[in-house]
Amino acid sequence: MTPDEFLRFEVDKEVKAVVLGITKQFDHAKLSILSLYLQQPGVKFFVTNEDRVYSAGRNRGLCGTRFIPDIGCLLKSIETASGCAPAIRIGKPEVYAFQAILRDHFQNESP
């Protein structure tokens, strides 16, 4: 995304949140747009987890495991570009999603 494209990009005023989950389609243009949305007043930032890497498995012929960058790597770039940290971390090791599931689906259950 060029500076001119960035300046012409129209922010959708209906967007109230940005949710970061795993993606293999992350590039500079998406980072620029995410950063722009997070700079808008009132836009909340959610992340599913902060895992830095995940295992692609062991590589035959070479020792060790190969690791693929995960959400934590993307999160750091977004935090740096936007100056914003997530308002809510939904997944592991946080308890937010677990508590919501308990509240919404098991509130009336007896032990």
PDB file of N, CA and C in Angstrom:
ATOM      1  N   MET A   1       0.856  -1.167   0.000  1.00  0.00           N
ATOM      2  CA  MET A   1       0.000   0.000   0.000  1.00  0.00           C
ATOM      3  C   MET A   1       0.905   1.234   0.000  1.00  0.00           C
ATOM      4  N   THR A   2       0.702   2.085  -0.960  1.00  0.00           N
ATOM      5  CA  THR A   2       1.496   3.306  -1.049  1.00  0.00           C
ATOM      6  C   THR A   2       0.937   4.363  -0.089  1.00  0.00           C
ATOM      7  N   PRO A   3       1.731   5.384   0.224  1.00  0.00           N
ATOM      8  CA  PRO A   3       1.202   6.464   1.061  1.00  0.00           C
ATOM      9  C   PRO A   3      -0.056   7.109   0.459  1.00  0.00           C
ATOM     10  N   ASP A   4      -0.098   7.268  -0.872  1.00  0.00           N
ATOM     11  CA  ASP A   4      -1.288   7.844  -1.509  1.00  0.00           C
ATOM     12  C   ASP A   4      -2.506   6.939  -1.335  1.00  0.00           C
ATOM     13  N   GLU A   5      -2.321   5.628  -1.503  1.00  0.00           N
ATOM     14  CA  GLU A   5      -3.433   4.686  -1.299  1.00  0.00           C
ATOM     15  C   GLU A   5      -3.914   4.723   0.153  1.00  0.00           C
ATOM     16  N   PHE A   6      -2.966   4.830   1.071  1.00  0.00           N
ATOM     17  CA  PHE A   6      -3.311   4.896   2.490  1.00  0.00           C
ATOM     18  C   PHE A   6      -4.121   6.155   2.787  1.00  0.00           C
ATOM     19  N   LEU A   7      -3.721   7.276   2.228  1.00  0.00           N
ATOM     20  CA  LEU A   7      -4.439   8.534   2.449  1.00  0.00           C
ATOM     21  C   LEU A   7      -5.844   8.507   1.859  1.00  0.00           C
ATOM     22  N   ARG A   8      -6.005   7.779   0.744  1.00  0.00           N
ATOM     23  CA  ARG A   8      -7.315   7.700   0.085  1.00  0.00           C
ATOM     24  C   ARG A   8      -8.215   6.615   0.669  1.00  0.00           C
ATOM     25  N   PHE A   9      -7.660   5.715   1.477  1.00  0.00           N
ATOM     26  CA  PHE A   9      -8.447   4.610   2.027  1.00  0.00           C
ATOM     27  C   PHE A   9      -9.576   5.168   2.879  1.00  0.00           C
ATOM     28  N   GLU A  10     -10.795   4.738   2.607  1.00  0.00           N
ATOM     29  CA  GLU A  10     -11.965   5.206   3.352  1.00  0.00           C
ATOM     30  C   GLU A  10     -12.263   4.268   4.519  1.00  0.00           C
ATOM     31  N   VAL A  11     -12.215   4.819   5.703  1.00  0.00           N
ATOM     32  CA  VAL A  11     -12.496   4.062   6.919  1.00  0.00           C
ATOM     33  C   VAL A  11     -14.003   3.859   7.031  1.00  0.00           C
ATOM     34  N   ASP A  12     -14.411   2.631   7.250  1.00  0.00           N
ATOM     35  CA  ASP A  12     -15.814   2.297   7.448  1.00  0.00           C
ATOM     36  C   ASP A  12     -16.176   2.656   8.889  1.00  0.00           C
ATOM     37  N   LYS A  13     -16.999   3.649   9.076  1.00  0.00           N
ATOM     38  CA  LYS A  13     -17.371   4.136  10.412  1.00  0.00           C
ATOM     39  C   LYS A  13     -18.191   3.120  11.208  1.00  0.00           C
ATOM     40  N   GLU A  14     -18.727   2.093  10.532  1.00  0.00           N
ATOM     41  CA  GLU A  14     -19.501   1.053  11.214  1.00  0.00           C
ATOM     42  C   GLU A  14     -18.613   0.052  11.939  1.00  0.00           C
ATOM     43  N   VAL A  15     -17.327   0.012  11.616  1.00  0.00           N
ATOM     44  CA  VAL A  15     -16.411  -0.930  12.258  1.00  0.00           C
ATOM     45  C   VAL A  15     -16.171  -0.483  13.692  1.00  0.00           C
ATOM     46  N   LYS A  16     -16.463  -1.367  14.629  1.00  0.00           N
ATOM     47  CA  LYS A  16     -16.320  -1.060  16.052  1.00  0.00           C
ATOM     48  C   LYS A  16     -15.279  -1.943  16.734  1.00  0.00           C
ATOM     49  N   ALA A  17     -14.788  -2.970  16.015  1.00  0.00           N
ATOM     50  CA  ALA A  17     -13.813  -3.871  16.617  1.00  0.00           C
ATOM     51  C   ALA A  17     -12.929  -4.493  15.551  1.00  0.00           C
ATOM     52  N   VAL A  18     -11.720  -4.823  15.967  1.00  0.00           N
ATOM     53  CA  VAL A  18     -10.778  -5.580  15.150  1.00  0.00           C
ATOM     54  C   VAL A  18     -10.472  -6.851  15.925  1.00  0.00           C
ATOM     55  N   VAL A  19     -10.595  -8.011  15.265  1.00  0.00           N
ATOM     56  CA  VAL A  19     -10.310  -9.289  15.896  1.00  0.00           C
ATOM     57  C   VAL A  19      -9.149  -9.929  15.160  1.00  0.00           C
ATOM     58  N   LEU A  20      -8.105 -10.258  15.906  1.00  0.00           N
ATOM     59  CA  LEU A  20      -6.940 -10.902  15.313  1.00  0.00           C
ATOM     60  C   LEU A  20      -6.949 -12.378  15.657  1.00  0.00           C
ATOM     61  N   GLY A  21      -6.958 -13.192  14.621  1.00  0.00           N
ATOM     62  CA  GLY A  21      -6.828 -14.637  14.747  1.00  0.00           C
ATOM     63  C   GLY A  21      -5.784 -15.089  13.742  1.00  0.00           C
ATOM     64  N   ILE A  22      -5.530 -16.363  13.684  1.00  0.00           N
ATOM     65  CA  ILE A  22      -4.493 -16.866  12.785  1.00  0.00           C
ATOM     66  C   ILE A  22      -4.871 -16.609  11.334  1.00  0.00           C
ATOM     67  N   THR A  23      -3.904 -16.164  10.589  1.00  0.00           N
ATOM     68  CA  THR A  23      -4.083 -15.937   9.161  1.00  0.00           C
ATOM     69  C   THR A  23      -2.764 -16.185   8.461  1.00  0.00           C
ATOM     70  N   LYS A  24      -2.847 -16.688   7.270  1.00  0.00           N
ATOM     71  CA  LYS A  24      -1.646 -16.870   6.451  1.00  0.00           C
ATOM     72  C   LYS A  24      -1.604 -15.824   5.352  1.00  0.00           C
ATOM     73  N   GLN A  25      -2.556 -14.900   5.383  1.00  0.00           N
ATOM     74  CA  GLN A  25      -2.669 -13.862   4.360  1.00  0.00           C
ATOM     75  C   GLN A  25      -2.412 -12.480   4.960  1.00  0.00           C
ATOM     76  N   PHE A  26      -1.281 -12.319   5.615  1.00  0.00           N
ATOM     77  CA  PHE A  26      -0.956 -11.059   6.286  1.00  0.00           C
ATOM     78  C   PHE A  26       0.136 -10.356   5.498  1.00  0.00           C
ATOM     79  N   ASP A  27      -0.079  -9.080   5.224  1.00  0.00           N
ATOM     80  CA  ASP A  27       0.926  -8.326   4.478  1.00  0.00           C
ATOM     81  C   ASP A  27       0.935  -6.870   4.938  1.00  0.00           C
ATOM     82  N   HIS A  28       1.769  -6.064   4.324  1.00  0.00           N
ATOM     83  CA  HIS A  28       1.928  -4.668   4.723  1.00  0.00           C
ATOM     84  C   HIS A  28       0.628  -3.881   4.561  1.00  0.00           C
ATOM     85  N   ALA A  29      -0.112  -4.132   3.518  1.00  0.00           N
ATOM     86  CA  ALA A  29      -1.381  -3.416   3.303  1.00  0.00           C
ATOM     87  C   ALA A  29      -2.356  -3.716   4.442  1.00  0.00           C
ATOM     88  N   LYS A  30      -2.469  -4.983   4.838  1.00  0.00           N
ATOM     89  CA  LYS A  30      -3.376  -5.331   5.937  1.00  0.00           C
ATOM     90  C   LYS A  30      -2.897  -4.730   7.252  1.00  0.00           C
ATOM     91  N   LEU A  31      -1.597  -4.723   7.472  1.00  0.00           N
ATOM     92  CA  LEU A  31      -1.054  -4.089   8.674  1.00  0.00           C
ATOM     93  C   LEU A  31      -1.389  -2.602   8.694  1.00  0.00           C
ATOM     94  N   SER A  32      -1.276  -1.945   7.564  1.00  0.00           N
ATOM     95  CA  SER A  32      -1.592  -0.516   7.476  1.00  0.00           C
ATOM     96  C   SER A  32      -3.061  -0.252   7.782  1.00  0.00           C
ATOM     97  N   ILE A  33      -3.944  -1.054   7.214  1.00  0.00           N
ATOM     98  CA  ILE A  33      -5.382  -0.869   7.422  1.00  0.00           C
ATOM     99  C   ILE A  33      -5.775  -1.183   8.866  1.00  0.00           C
ATOM    100  N   LEU A  34      -5.236  -2.276   9.420  1.00  0.00           N
ATOM    101  CA  LEU A  34      -5.507  -2.605  10.827  1.00  0.00           C
ATOM    102  C   LEU A  34      -5.069  -1.471  11.740  1.00  0.00           C
ATOM    103  N   SER A  35      -3.884  -0.953  11.485  1.00  0.00           N
ATOM    104  CA  SER A  35      -3.356   0.149  12.283  1.00  0.00           C
ATOM    105  C   SER A  35      -4.273   1.370  12.196  1.00  0.00           C
ATOM    106  N   LEU A  36      -4.739   1.651  10.997  1.00  0.00           N
ATOM    107  CA  LEU A  36      -5.634   2.792  10.797  1.00  0.00           C
ATOM    108  C   LEU A  36      -6.941   2.623  11.584  1.00  0.00           C
ATOM    109  N   TYR A  37      -7.534   1.421  11.510  1.00  0.00           N
ATOM    110  CA  TYR A  37      -8.781   1.181  12.255  1.00  0.00           C
ATOM    111  C   TYR A  37      -8.558   1.284  13.760  1.00  0.00           C
ATOM    112  N   LEU A  38      -7.426   0.791  14.240  1.00  0.00           N
ATOM    113  CA  LEU A  38      -7.167   0.851  15.679  1.00  0.00           C
ATOM    114  C   LEU A  38      -6.886   2.269  16.160  1.00  0.00           C
ATOM    115  N   GLN A  39      -6.581   3.169  15.245  1.00  0.00           N
ATOM    116  CA  GLN A  39      -6.381   4.568  15.594  1.00  0.00           C
ATOM    117  C   GLN A  39      -7.699   5.340  15.662  1.00  0.00           C
ATOM    118  N   GLN A  40      -8.801   4.693  15.273  1.00  0.00           N
ATOM    119  CA  GLN A  40     -10.109   5.348  15.293  1.00  0.00           C
ATOM    120  C   GLN A  40     -10.683   5.308  16.710  1.00  0.00           C
ATOM    121  N   PRO A  41     -11.294   6.389  17.162  1.00  0.00           N
ATOM    122  CA  PRO A  41     -11.881   6.419  18.503  1.00  0.00           C
ATOM    123  C   PRO A  41     -12.932   5.332  18.689  1.00  0.00           C
ATOM    124  N   GLY A  42     -12.851   4.635  19.813  1.00  0.00           N
ATOM    125  CA  GLY A  42     -13.869   3.659  20.169  1.00  0.00           C
ATOM    126  C   GLY A  42     -13.712   2.280  19.564  1.00  0.00           C
ATOM    127  N   VAL A  43     -12.751   2.061  18.671  1.00  0.00           N
ATOM    128  CA  VAL A  43     -12.569   0.740  18.068  1.00  0.00           C
ATOM    129  C   VAL A  43     -11.830  -0.148  19.063  1.00  0.00           C
ATOM    130  N   LYS A  44     -12.428  -1.305  19.379  1.00  0.00           N
ATOM    131  CA  LYS A  44     -11.854  -2.265  20.322  1.00  0.00           C
ATOM    132  C   LYS A  44     -10.965  -3.255  19.571  1.00  0.00           C
ATOM    133  N   PHE A  45      -9.989  -3.784  20.277  1.00  0.00           N
ATOM    134  CA  PHE A  45      -9.025  -4.716  19.703  1.00  0.00           C
ATOM    135  C   PHE A  45      -9.068  -6.014  20.507  1.00  0.00           C
ATOM    136  N   PHE A  46      -9.374  -7.134  19.827  1.00  0.00           N
ATOM    137  CA  PHE A  46      -9.440  -8.454  20.443  1.00  0.00           C
ATOM    138  C   PHE A  46      -8.416  -9.364  19.779  1.00  0.00           C
ATOM    139  N   VAL A  47      -7.849 -10.277  20.545  1.00  0.00           N
ATOM    140  CA  VAL A  47      -6.928 -11.266  19.993  1.00  0.00           C
ATOM    141  C   VAL A  47      -7.313 -12.635  20.545  1.00  0.00           C
ATOM    142  N   THR A  48      -7.186 -13.667  19.701  1.00  0.00           N
ATOM    143  CA  THR A  48      -7.599 -15.000  20.123  1.00  0.00           C
ATOM    144  C   THR A  48      -6.593 -15.646  21.060  1.00  0.00           C
ATOM    145  N   ASN A  49      -5.304 -15.444  20.834  1.00  0.00           N
ATOM    146  CA  ASN A  49      -4.263 -15.926  21.739  1.00  0.00           C
ATOM    147  C   ASN A  49      -2.967 -15.228  21.364  1.00  0.00           C
ATOM    148  N   GLU A  50      -1.915 -15.497  22.103  1.00  0.00           N
ATOM    149  CA  GLU A  50      -0.650 -14.823  21.838  1.00  0.00           C
ATOM    150  C   GLU A  50       0.477 -15.809  21.536  1.00  0.00           C
ATOM    151  N   ASP A  51       0.117 -16.991  21.046  1.00  0.00           N
ATOM    152  CA  ASP A  51       1.135 -17.983  20.718  1.00  0.00           C
ATOM    153  C   ASP A  51       2.112 -17.420  19.694  1.00  0.00           C
ATOM    154  N   ARG A  52       3.416 -17.521  19.990  1.00  0.00           N
ATOM    155  CA  ARG A  52       4.430 -16.994  19.073  1.00  0.00           C
ATOM    156  C   ARG A  52       4.619 -17.887  17.851  1.00  0.00           C
ATOM    157  N   VAL A  53       4.582 -19.204  18.070  1.00  0.00           N
ATOM    158  CA  VAL A  53       4.818 -20.160  16.984  1.00  0.00           C
ATOM    159  C   VAL A  53       3.960 -21.397  17.195  1.00  0.00           C
ATOM    160  N   TYR A  54       3.851 -22.195  16.135  1.00  0.00           N
ATOM    161  CA  TYR A  54       3.305 -23.535  16.289  1.00  0.00           C
ATOM    162  C   TYR A  54       4.171 -24.482  15.486  1.00  0.00           C
ATOM    163  N   SER A  55       4.147 -25.742  15.861  1.00  0.00           N
ATOM    164  CA  SER A  55       5.032 -26.730  15.261  1.00  0.00           C
ATOM    165  C   SER A  55       4.497 -27.215  13.921  1.00  0.00           C
ATOM    166  N   ALA A  56       5.379 -27.234  12.949  1.00  0.00           N
ATOM    167  CA  ALA A  56       5.044 -27.826  11.660  1.00  0.00           C
ATOM    168  C   ALA A  56       5.404 -29.308  11.663  1.00  0.00           C
ATOM    169  N   GLY A  57       6.009 -29.760  12.746  1.00  0.00           N
ATOM    170  CA  GLY A  57       6.434 -31.150  12.875  1.00  0.00           C
ATOM    171  C   GLY A  57       7.928 -31.281  12.720  1.00  0.00           C
ATOM    172  N   ARG A  58       8.361 -32.483  12.872  1.00  0.00           N
ATOM    173  CA  ARG A  58       9.796 -32.749  12.733  1.00  0.00           C
ATOM    174  C   ARG A  58      10.154 -32.854  11.264  1.00  0.00           C
ATOM    175  N   ASN A  59      11.331 -32.397  10.952  1.00  0.00           N
ATOM    176  CA  ASN A  59      11.806 -32.415   9.573  1.00  0.00           C
ATOM    177  C   ASN A  59      12.736 -33.608   9.388  1.00  0.00           C
ATOM    178  N   ARG A  60      12.387 -34.512   8.488  1.00  0.00           N
ATOM    179  CA  ARG A  60      13.238 -35.673   8.227  1.00  0.00           C
ATOM    180  C   ARG A  60      14.590 -35.222   7.683  1.00  0.00           C
ATOM    181  N   GLY A  61      15.642 -35.835   8.192  1.00  0.00           N
ATOM    182  CA  GLY A  61      16.984 -35.518   7.714  1.00  0.00           C
ATOM    183  C   GLY A  61      17.639 -34.394   8.495  1.00  0.00           C
ATOM    184  N   LEU A  62      16.849 -33.577   9.153  1.00  0.00           N
ATOM    185  CA  LEU A  62      17.393 -32.504   9.978  1.00  0.00           C
ATOM    186  C   LEU A  62      16.921 -32.715  11.400  1.00  0.00           C
ATOM    187  N   CYS A  63      17.749 -32.330  12.361  1.00  0.00           N
ATOM    188  CA  CYS A  63      17.277 -32.483  13.740  1.00  0.00           C
ATOM    189  C   CYS A  63      16.422 -31.292  14.130  1.00  0.00           C
ATOM    190  N   GLY A  64      15.509 -31.572  15.020  1.00  0.00           N
ATOM    191  CA  GLY A  64      14.677 -30.503  15.535  1.00  0.00           C
ATOM    192  C   GLY A  64      13.347 -30.379  14.830  1.00  0.00           C
ATOM    193  N   THR A  65      12.566 -29.492  15.377  1.00  0.00           N
ATOM    194  CA  THR A  65      11.227 -29.219  14.880  1.00  0.00           C
ATOM    195  C   THR A  65      11.240 -27.888  14.150  1.00  0.00           C
ATOM    196  N   ARG A  66      10.461 -27.785  13.119  1.00  0.00           N
ATOM    197  CA  ARG A  66      10.305 -26.509  12.414  1.00  0.00           C
ATOM    198  C   ARG A  66       9.083 -25.791  12.977  1.00  0.00           C
ATOM    199  N   PHE A  67       9.274 -24.521  13.282  1.00  0.00           N
ATOM    200  CA  PHE A  67       8.197 -23.724  13.853  1.00  0.00           C
ATOM    201  C   PHE A  67       7.727 -22.672  12.859  1.00  0.00           C
ATOM    202  N   ILE A  68       6.416 -22.477  12.820  1.00  0.00           N
ATOM    203  CA  ILE A  68       5.798 -21.492  11.935  1.00  0.00           C
ATOM    204  C   ILE A  68       5.338 -20.318  12.800  1.00  0.00           C
ATOM    205  N   PRO A  69       5.589 -19.067  12.378  1.00  0.00           N
ATOM    206  CA  PRO A  69       5.115 -17.914  13.158  1.00  0.00           C
ATOM    207  C   PRO A  69       3.592 -17.980  13.344  1.00  0.00           C
ATOM    208  N   ASP A  70       3.158 -17.626  14.545  1.00  0.00           N
ATOM    209  CA  ASP A  70       1.738 -17.679  14.888  1.00  0.00           C
ATOM    210  C   ASP A  70       1.249 -16.268  15.236  1.00  0.00           C
ATOM    211  N   ILE A  71       0.095 -16.185  15.837  1.00  0.00           N
ATOM    212  CA  ILE A  71      -0.579 -14.916  16.095  1.00  0.00           C
ATOM    213  C   ILE A  71       0.271 -13.937  16.889  1.00  0.00           C
ATOM    214  N   GLY A  72       1.050 -14.424  17.842  1.00  0.00           N
ATOM    215  CA  GLY A  72       1.871 -13.536  18.662  1.00  0.00           C
ATOM    216  C   GLY A  72       2.800 -12.656  17.835  1.00  0.00           C
ATOM    217  N   CYS A  73       3.329 -13.194  16.745  1.00  0.00           N
ATOM    218  CA  CYS A  73       4.207 -12.411  15.862  1.00  0.00           C
ATOM    219  C   CYS A  73       3.420 -11.306  15.160  1.00  0.00           C
ATOM    220  N   LEU A  74       2.232 -11.638  14.687  1.00  0.00           N
ATOM    221  CA  LEU A  74       1.384 -10.635  14.042  1.00  0.00           C
ATOM    222  C   LEU A  74       0.955  -9.583  15.054  1.00  0.00           C
ATOM    223  N   LEU A  75       0.620 -10.031  16.260  1.00  0.00           N
ATOM    224  CA  LEU A  75       0.180  -9.120  17.311  1.00  0.00           C
ATOM    225  C   LEU A  75       1.240  -8.069  17.604  1.00  0.00           C
ATOM    226  N   LYS A  76       2.492  -8.479  17.726  1.00  0.00           N
ATOM    227  CA  LYS A  76       3.565  -7.527  18.021  1.00  0.00           C
ATOM    228  C   LYS A  76       3.697  -6.482  16.918  1.00  0.00           C
ATOM    229  N   SER A  77       3.557  -6.897  15.673  1.00  0.00           N
ATOM    230  CA  SER A  77       3.667  -5.922  14.578  1.00  0.00           C
ATOM    231  C   SER A  77       2.494  -4.943  14.605  1.00  0.00           C
ATOM    232  N   ILE A  78       1.292  -5.416  14.926  1.00  0.00           N
ATOM    233  CA  ILE A  78       0.115  -4.541  14.984  1.00  0.00           C
ATOM    234  C   ILE A  78       0.226  -3.581  16.173  1.00  0.00           C
ATOM    235  N   GLU A  79       0.661  -4.097  17.319  1.00  0.00           N
ATOM    236  CA  GLU A  79       0.843  -3.233  18.487  1.00  0.00           C
ATOM    237  C   GLU A  79       1.866  -2.133  18.194  1.00  0.00           C
ATOM    238  N   THR A  80       2.951  -2.496  17.523  1.00  0.00           N
ATOM    239  CA  THR A  80       3.993  -1.518  17.200  1.00  0.00           C
ATOM    240  C   THR A  80       3.486  -0.475  16.209  1.00  0.00           C
ATOM    241  N   ALA A  81       2.773  -0.927  15.187  1.00  0.00           N
ATOM    242  CA  ALA A  81       2.290  -0.009  14.145  1.00  0.00           C
ATOM    243  C   ALA A  81       1.185   0.913  14.643  1.00  0.00           C
ATOM    244  N   SER A  82       0.317   0.409  15.519  1.00  0.00           N
ATOM    245  CA  SER A  82      -0.855   1.191  15.937  1.00  0.00           C
ATOM    246  C   SER A  82      -0.684   1.882  17.294  1.00  0.00           C
ATOM    247  N   GLY A  83       0.222   1.365  18.104  1.00  0.00           N
ATOM    248  CA  GLY A  83       0.353   1.877  19.462  1.00  0.00           C
ATOM    249  C   GLY A  83      -0.746   1.376  20.376  1.00  0.00           C
ATOM    250  N   CYS A  84      -1.495   0.361  19.926  1.00  0.00           N
ATOM    251  CA  CYS A  84      -2.627  -0.173  20.695  1.00  0.00           C
ATOM    252  C   CYS A  84      -2.367  -1.614  21.101  1.00  0.00           C
ATOM    253  N   ALA A  85      -2.771  -1.948  22.319  1.00  0.00           N
ATOM    254  CA  ALA A  85      -2.733  -3.324  22.801  1.00  0.00           C
ATOM    255  C   ALA A  85      -4.159  -3.864  22.800  1.00  0.00           C
ATOM    256  N   PRO A  86      -4.321  -5.178  22.713  1.00  0.00           N
ATOM    257  CA  PRO A  86      -5.675  -5.742  22.732  1.00  0.00           C
ATOM    258  C   PRO A  86      -6.434  -5.387  24.002  1.00  0.00           C
ATOM    259  N   ALA A  87      -7.711  -5.067  23.850  1.00  0.00           N
ATOM    260  CA  ALA A  87      -8.578  -4.794  24.995  1.00  0.00           C
ATOM    261  C   ALA A  87      -8.918  -6.100  25.696  1.00  0.00           C
ATOM    262  N   ILE A  88      -9.108  -7.144  24.903  1.00  0.00           N
ATOM    263  CA  ILE A  88      -9.488  -8.447  25.453  1.00  0.00           C
ATOM    264  C   ILE A  88      -8.727  -9.537  24.721  1.00  0.00           C
ATOM    265  N   ARG A  89      -8.176 -10.430  25.509  1.00  0.00           N
ATOM    266  CA  ARG A  89      -7.540 -11.640  24.984  1.00  0.00           C
ATOM    267  C   ARG A  89      -8.535 -12.768  25.235  1.00  0.00           C
ATOM    268  N   ILE A  90      -8.995 -13.397  24.167  1.00  0.00           N
ATOM    269  CA  ILE A  90     -10.106 -14.336  24.274  1.00  0.00           C
ATOM    270  C   ILE A  90      -9.649 -15.757  24.596  1.00  0.00           C
ATOM    271  N   GLY A  91      -8.612 -16.227  23.948  1.00  0.00           N
ATOM    272  CA  GLY A  91      -8.218 -17.628  24.061  1.00  0.00           C
ATOM    273  C   GLY A  91      -7.182 -17.906  25.119  1.00  0.00           C
ATOM    274  N   LYS A  92      -6.614 -19.100  25.035  1.00  0.00           N
ATOM    275  CA  LYS A  92      -5.642 -19.546  26.018  1.00  0.00           C
ATOM    276  C   LYS A  92      -4.494 -18.571  26.155  1.00  0.00           C
ATOM    277  N   PRO A  93      -3.948 -18.361  27.307  1.00  0.00           N
ATOM    278  CA  PRO A  93      -4.315 -18.955  28.591  1.00  0.00           C
ATOM    279  C   PRO A  93      -5.372 -18.140  29.342  1.00  0.00           C
ATOM    280  N   GLU A  94      -5.973 -17.169  28.679  1.00  0.00           N
ATOM    281  CA  GLU A  94      -6.978 -16.317  29.329  1.00  0.00           C
ATOM    282  C   GLU A  94      -8.255 -17.112  29.607  1.00  0.00           C
ATOM    283  N   VAL A  95      -9.049 -16.631  30.553  1.00  0.00           N
ATOM    284  CA  VAL A  95     -10.271 -17.335  30.949  1.00  0.00           C
ATOM    285  C   VAL A  95     -11.533 -16.678  30.383  1.00  0.00           C
ATOM    286  N   TYR A  96     -11.399 -15.633  29.593  1.00  0.00           N
ATOM    287  CA  TYR A  96     -12.554 -14.886  29.086  1.00  0.00           C
ATOM    288  C   TYR A  96     -13.566 -15.796  28.386  1.00  0.00           C
ATOM    289  N   ALA A  97     -13.116 -16.563  27.399  1.00  0.00           N
ATOM    290  CA  ALA A  97     -14.040 -17.421  26.644  1.00  0.00           C
ATOM    291  C   ALA A  97     -14.623 -18.509  27.536  1.00  0.00           C
ATOM    292  N   PHE A  98     -13.784 -19.093  28.388  1.00  0.00           N
ATOM    293  CA  PHE A  98     -14.253 -20.138  29.296  1.00  0.00           C
ATOM    294  C   PHE A  98     -15.345 -19.611  30.212  1.00  0.00           C
ATOM    295  N   GLN A  99     -15.141 -18.438  30.784  1.00  0.00           N
ATOM    296  CA  GLN A  99     -16.145 -17.847  31.671  1.00  0.00           C
ATOM    297  C   GLN A  99     -17.435 -17.520  30.919  1.00  0.00           C
ATOM    298  N   ALA A 100     -17.327 -17.053  29.688  1.00  0.00           N
ATOM    299  CA  ALA A 100     -18.519 -16.748  28.891  1.00  0.00           C
ATOM    300  C   ALA A 100     -19.306 -18.019  28.583  1.00  0.00           C
ATOM    301  N   ILE A 101     -18.601 -19.110  28.275  1.00  0.00           N
ATOM    302  CA  ILE A 101     -19.273 -20.385  28.001  1.00  0.00           C
ATOM    303  C   ILE A 101     -19.998 -20.871  29.258  1.00  0.00           C
ATOM    304  N   LEU A 102     -19.311 -20.809  30.383  1.00  0.00           N
ATOM    305  CA  LEU A 102     -19.952 -21.221  31.638  1.00  0.00           C
ATOM    306  C   LEU A 102     -21.178 -20.371  31.929  1.00  0.00           C
ATOM    307  N   ARG A 103     -21.045 -19.072  31.792  1.00  0.00           N
ATOM    308  CA  ARG A 103     -22.151 -18.145  32.093  1.00  0.00           C
ATOM    309  C   ARG A 103     -23.334 -18.373  31.157  1.00  0.00           C
ATOM    310  N   ASP A 104     -23.070 -18.526  29.871  1.00  0.00           N
ATOM    311  CA  ASP A 104     -24.147 -18.608  28.883  1.00  0.00           C
ATOM    312  C   ASP A 104     -24.773 -19.976  28.730  1.00  0.00           C
ATOM    313  N   HIS A 105     -24.045 -21.040  29.105  1.00  0.00           N
ATOM    314  CA  HIS A 105     -24.553 -22.374  28.811  1.00  0.00           C
ATOM    315  C   HIS A 105     -24.669 -23.298  30.034  1.00  0.00           C
ATOM    316  N   PHE A 106     -24.012 -22.941  31.139  1.00  0.00           N
ATOM    317  CA  PHE A 106     -24.031 -23.834  32.288  1.00  0.00           C
ATOM    318  C   PHE A 106     -24.403 -23.134  33.585  1.00  0.00           C
ATOM    319  N   GLN A 107     -25.019 -21.992  33.467  1.00  0.00           N
ATOM    320  CA  GLN A 107     -25.362 -21.194  34.658  1.00  0.00           C
ATOM    321  C   GLN A 107     -26.302 -21.938  35.610  1.00  0.00           C
ATOM    322  N   ASN A 108     -27.242 -22.692  35.072  1.00  0.00           N
ATOM    323  CA  ASN A 108     -28.250 -23.360  35.899  1.00  0.00           C
ATOM    324  C   ASN A 108     -27.922 -24.822  36.198  1.00  0.00           C
ATOM    325  N   GLU A 109     -26.724 -25.259  35.855  1.00  0.00           N
ATOM    326  CA  GLU A 109     -26.321 -26.654  36.104  1.00  0.00           C
ATOM    327  C   GLU A 109     -25.932 -26.817  37.570  1.00  0.00           C
ATOM    328  N   SER A 110     -26.278 -27.949  38.143  1.00  0.00           N
ATOM    329  CA  SER A 110     -25.823 -28.225  39.497  1.00  0.00           C
ATOM    330  C   SER A 110     -24.637 -29.182  39.426  1.00  0.00           C
ATOM    331  N   PRO A 111     -23.730 -29.059  40.412  1.00  0.00           N
ATOM    332  CA  PRO A 111     -22.518 -29.902  40.395  1.00  0.00           C
ATOM    333  C   PRO A 111     -22.800 -31.361  40.618  1.00  0.00           C
TER     334      PRO A 111
END
